[in-house]
Amino acid sequence: MNKKMDMHEAKEQTQEMMSKSIASTEKVMDGVIEFNAAVFKGGETLAKKIYDNYVDNVAATFDSMKALNKSNDFGDFYKTAASNAATSAERVSDQTKGVVELSTKVMRETSEVGRTAFTNSFQINL
């Protein structure tokens, strides 16, 4: 009879240990899912910014070509081309700065989500 009690007790302890393990693993997986969602959201935000810059650059290129096409002589063509190049360089510089700032913001937000998820996933109960 004593052996049956030991087996029953062992079974209960094993079930309790497995329940805790499953709950702990679920907590970790919830954190992983939360972190991955933040990574995808950040990637989507950056991709949209880069795409918007691309669309702006294509439109600006066509505007530049139209302005060059209206030139009447070489001097006007040169002046327009130089102006277009300066404007383009300024725009690309501003866009690059914007992407860097947005990337920094996204990295901070994603890192914070990761830190929180990691901390919550691996809490130790003392």
C-alpha atoms as a PDB file:
ATOM      1  CA  MET A   1       0.000   0.000   0.000  1.00  0.00           C
ATOM      2  CA  ASN A   2       2.843   2.325   0.810  1.00  0.00           C
ATOM      3  CA  LYS A   3       4.219   1.906  -2.736  1.00  0.00           C
ATOM      4  CA  LYS A   4       0.843   2.942  -4.220  1.00  0.00           C
ATOM      5  CA  MET A   5       0.901   6.112  -2.147  1.00  0.00           C
ATOM      6  CA  ASP A   6       4.403   6.848  -3.317  1.00  0.00           C
ATOM      7  CA  MET A   7       3.410   6.305  -6.957  1.00  0.00           C
ATOM      8  CA  HIS A   8       0.318   8.465  -6.523  1.00  0.00           C
ATOM      9  CA  GLU A   9       2.350  11.165  -4.815  1.00  0.00           C
ATOM     10  CA  ALA A  10       5.015  10.968  -7.535  1.00  0.00           C
ATOM     11  CA  LYS A  11       2.327  11.297 -10.198  1.00  0.00           C
ATOM     12  CA  GLU A  12       0.884  14.379  -8.500  1.00  0.00           C
ATOM     13  CA  GLN A  13       4.300  15.962  -8.134  1.00  0.00           C
ATOM     14  CA  THR A  14       5.095  15.238 -11.781  1.00  0.00           C
ATOM     15  CA  GLN A  15       1.794  16.769 -12.884  1.00  0.00           C
ATOM     16  CA  GLU A  16       2.429  19.822 -10.732  1.00  0.00           C
ATOM     17  CA  MET A  17       5.930  20.199 -12.169  1.00  0.00           C
ATOM     18  CA  MET A  18       4.616  19.810 -15.732  1.00  0.00           C
ATOM     19  CA  SER A  19       1.859  22.363 -15.104  1.00  0.00           C
ATOM     20  CA  LYS A  20       4.429  24.874 -13.863  1.00  0.00           C
ATOM     21  CA  SER A  21       6.685  24.114 -16.816  1.00  0.00           C
ATOM     22  CA  ILE A  22       3.843  24.574 -19.302  1.00  0.00           C
ATOM     23  CA  ALA A  23       2.777  27.847 -17.668  1.00  0.00           C
ATOM     24  CA  SER A  24       6.368  29.091 -17.711  1.00  0.00           C
ATOM     25  CA  THR A  25       6.826  28.127 -21.364  1.00  0.00           C
ATOM     26  CA  GLU A  26       3.567  29.859 -22.294  1.00  0.00           C
ATOM     27  CA  LYS A  27       4.809  33.009 -20.575  1.00  0.00           C
ATOM     28  CA  VAL A  28       8.080  32.855 -22.521  1.00  0.00           C
ATOM     29  CA  MET A  29       6.256  32.270 -25.820  1.00  0.00           C
ATOM     30  CA  ASP A  30       3.913  35.202 -25.117  1.00  0.00           C
ATOM     31  CA  GLY A  31       7.007  37.365 -24.666  1.00  0.00           C
ATOM     32  CA  VAL A  32       8.559  36.069 -27.894  1.00  0.00           C
ATOM     33  CA  ILE A  33       5.328  36.770 -29.791  1.00  0.00           C
ATOM     34  CA  GLU A  34       5.105  40.264 -28.312  1.00  0.00           C
ATOM     35  CA  PHE A  35       8.714  41.011 -29.238  1.00  0.00           C
ATOM     36  CA  ASN A  36       8.304  39.659 -32.778  1.00  0.00           C
ATOM     37  CA  ALA A  37       5.170  41.770 -33.238  1.00  0.00           C
ATOM     38  CA  ALA A  38       7.171  44.851 -32.218  1.00  0.00           C
ATOM     39  CA  VAL A  39       9.945  43.937 -34.663  1.00  0.00           C
ATOM     40  CA  PHE A  40       7.456  43.536 -37.520  1.00  0.00           C
ATOM     41  CA  LYS A  41       5.672  46.779 -36.603  1.00  0.00           C
ATOM     42  CA  GLY A  42       8.987  48.641 -36.558  1.00  0.00           C
ATOM     43  CA  GLY A  43      10.018  47.104 -39.871  1.00  0.00           C
ATOM     44  CA  GLU A  44       6.699  48.085 -41.392  1.00  0.00           C
ATOM     45  CA  THR A  45       7.087  51.664 -40.124  1.00  0.00           C
ATOM     46  CA  LEU A  46      10.576  51.929 -41.628  1.00  0.00           C
ATOM     47  CA  ALA A  47       9.514  50.326 -44.909  1.00  0.00           C
ATOM     48  CA  LYS A  48       6.640  52.815 -45.241  1.00  0.00           C
ATOM     49  CA  LYS A  49       9.009  55.751 -44.625  1.00  0.00           C
ATOM     50  CA  ILE A  50      11.482  54.455 -47.196  1.00  0.00           C
ATOM     51  CA  TYR A  51       8.689  53.818 -49.722  1.00  0.00           C
ATOM     52  CA  ASP A  52       7.292  57.329 -49.178  1.00  0.00           C
ATOM     53  CA  ASN A  53      10.790  58.728 -49.795  1.00  0.00           C
ATOM     54  CA  TYR A  54      11.020  56.666 -52.986  1.00  0.00           C
ATOM     55  CA  VAL A  55       7.683  58.021 -54.257  1.00  0.00           C
ATOM     56  CA  ASP A  56       8.767  61.583 -53.441  1.00  0.00           C
ATOM     57  CA  ASN A  57      12.070  61.056 -55.274  1.00  0.00           C
ATOM     58  CA  VAL A  58      10.385  59.670 -58.386  1.00  0.00           C
ATOM     59  CA  ALA A  59       7.997  62.647 -58.479  1.00  0.00           C
ATOM     60  CA  ALA A  60      10.905  65.064 -57.942  1.00  0.00           C
ATOM     61  CA  THR A  61      12.876  63.411 -60.749  1.00  0.00           C
ATOM     62  CA  PHE A  62      10.020  63.924 -63.196  1.00  0.00           C
ATOM     63  CA  ASP A  63       9.611  67.535 -62.048  1.00  0.00           C
ATOM     64  CA  SER A  64      13.344  68.066 -62.610  1.00  0.00           C
ATOM     65  CA  MET A  65      13.156  66.558 -66.077  1.00  0.00           C
ATOM     66  CA  LYS A  66      10.182  68.768 -66.951  1.00  0.00           C
ATOM     67  CA  ALA A  67      12.092  71.847 -65.772  1.00  0.00           C
ATOM     68  CA  LEU A  68      15.128  70.849 -67.855  1.00  0.00           C
ATOM     69  CA  ASN A  69      12.900  70.283 -70.863  1.00  0.00           C
ATOM     70  CA  LYS A  70      11.660  73.882 -70.643  1.00  0.00           C
ATOM     71  CA  SER A  71      15.206  75.260 -70.901  1.00  0.00           C
ATOM     72  CA  ASN A  72      15.743  77.541 -73.904  1.00  0.00           C
ATOM     73  CA  ASP A  73      19.528  77.659 -73.998  1.00  0.00           C
ATOM     74  CA  PHE A  74      22.590  76.014 -72.493  1.00  0.00           C
ATOM     75  CA  GLY A  75      22.964  78.618 -69.739  1.00  0.00           C
ATOM     76  CA  ASP A  76      19.373  78.116 -68.573  1.00  0.00           C
ATOM     77  CA  PHE A  77      19.801  74.331 -68.828  1.00  0.00           C
ATOM     78  CA  TYR A  78      22.961  74.468 -66.687  1.00  0.00           C
ATOM     79  CA  LYS A  79      21.343  76.739 -64.090  1.00  0.00           C
ATOM     80  CA  THR A  80      18.283  74.464 -63.868  1.00  0.00           C
ATOM     81  CA  ALA A  81      20.421  71.310 -63.681  1.00  0.00           C
ATOM     82  CA  ALA A  82      22.568  72.788 -60.885  1.00  0.00           C
ATOM     83  CA  SER A  83      19.470  73.864 -58.977  1.00  0.00           C
ATOM     84  CA  ASN A  84      17.925  70.423 -59.432  1.00  0.00           C
ATOM     85  CA  ALA A  85      21.096  68.729 -58.176  1.00  0.00           C
ATOM     86  CA  ALA A  86      21.288  70.964 -55.094  1.00  0.00           C
ATOM     87  CA  THR A  87      17.601  70.444 -54.318  1.00  0.00           C
ATOM     88  CA  SER A  88      17.972  66.696 -54.801  1.00  0.00           C
ATOM     89  CA  ALA A  89      21.009  66.516 -52.508  1.00  0.00           C
ATOM     90  CA  GLU A  90      19.146  68.500 -49.846  1.00  0.00           C
ATOM     91  CA  ARG A  91      16.082  66.270 -50.136  1.00  0.00           C
ATOM     92  CA  VAL A  92      18.127  63.056 -49.901  1.00  0.00           C
ATOM     93  CA  SER A  93      20.032  64.446 -46.916  1.00  0.00           C
ATOM     94  CA  ASP A  94      16.763  65.309 -45.147  1.00  0.00           C
ATOM     95  CA  GLN A  95      15.309  61.903 -46.007  1.00  0.00           C
ATOM     96  CA  THR A  96      18.391  60.105 -44.714  1.00  0.00           C
ATOM     97  CA  LYS A  97      18.258  62.087 -41.497  1.00  0.00           C
ATOM     98  CA  GLY A  98      14.555  61.218 -41.149  1.00  0.00           C
ATOM     99  CA  VAL A  99      15.185  57.512 -41.710  1.00  0.00           C
ATOM    100  CA  VAL A 100      18.026  57.504 -39.174  1.00  0.00           C
ATOM    101  CA  GLU A 101      15.862  59.271 -36.578  1.00  0.00           C
ATOM    102  CA  LEU A 102      12.958  56.908 -37.224  1.00  0.00           C
ATOM    103  CA  SER A 103      15.278  53.885 -37.078  1.00  0.00           C
ATOM    104  CA  THR A 104      16.599  55.060 -33.713  1.00  0.00           C
ATOM    105  CA  LYS A 105      13.053  55.529 -32.404  1.00  0.00           C
ATOM    106  CA  VAL A 106      11.968  52.107 -33.680  1.00  0.00           C
ATOM    107  CA  MET A 107      15.034  50.433 -32.155  1.00  0.00           C
ATOM    108  CA  ARG A 108      14.375  52.076 -28.784  1.00  0.00           C
ATOM    109  CA  GLU A 109      10.710  51.052 -28.807  1.00  0.00           C
ATOM    110  CA  THR A 110      11.485  47.511 -29.941  1.00  0.00           C
ATOM    111  CA  SER A 111      14.268  47.167 -27.377  1.00  0.00           C
ATOM    112  CA  GLU A 112      11.915  48.325 -24.623  1.00  0.00           C
ATOM    113  CA  VAL A 113       9.271  45.800 -25.683  1.00  0.00           C
ATOM    114  CA  GLY A 114      11.965  43.110 -25.745  1.00  0.00           C
ATOM    115  CA  ARG A 115      13.277  44.087 -22.322  1.00  0.00           C
ATOM    116  CA  THR A 116       9.789  44.074 -20.830  1.00  0.00           C
ATOM    117  CA  ALA A 117       8.878  40.780 -22.485  1.00  0.00           C
ATOM    118  CA  PHE A 118      12.143  39.178 -21.366  1.00  0.00           C
ATOM    119  CA  THR A 119      11.757  40.468 -17.813  1.00  0.00           C
ATOM    120  CA  ASN A 120       8.165  39.260 -17.582  1.00  0.00           C
ATOM    121  CA  SER A 121       8.986  35.906 -19.161  1.00  0.00           C
ATOM    122  CA  PHE A 122      11.744  35.011 -16.753  1.00  0.00           C
ATOM    123  CA  GLN A 123      10.517  36.323 -13.438  1.00  0.00           C
ATOM    124  CA  ILE A 124      11.831  34.331 -10.542  1.00  0.00           C
ATOM    125  CA  ASN A 125       9.512  33.855  -7.624  1.00  0.00           C
ATOM    126  CA  LEU A 126      11.478  33.863  -4.401  1.00  0.00           C
END
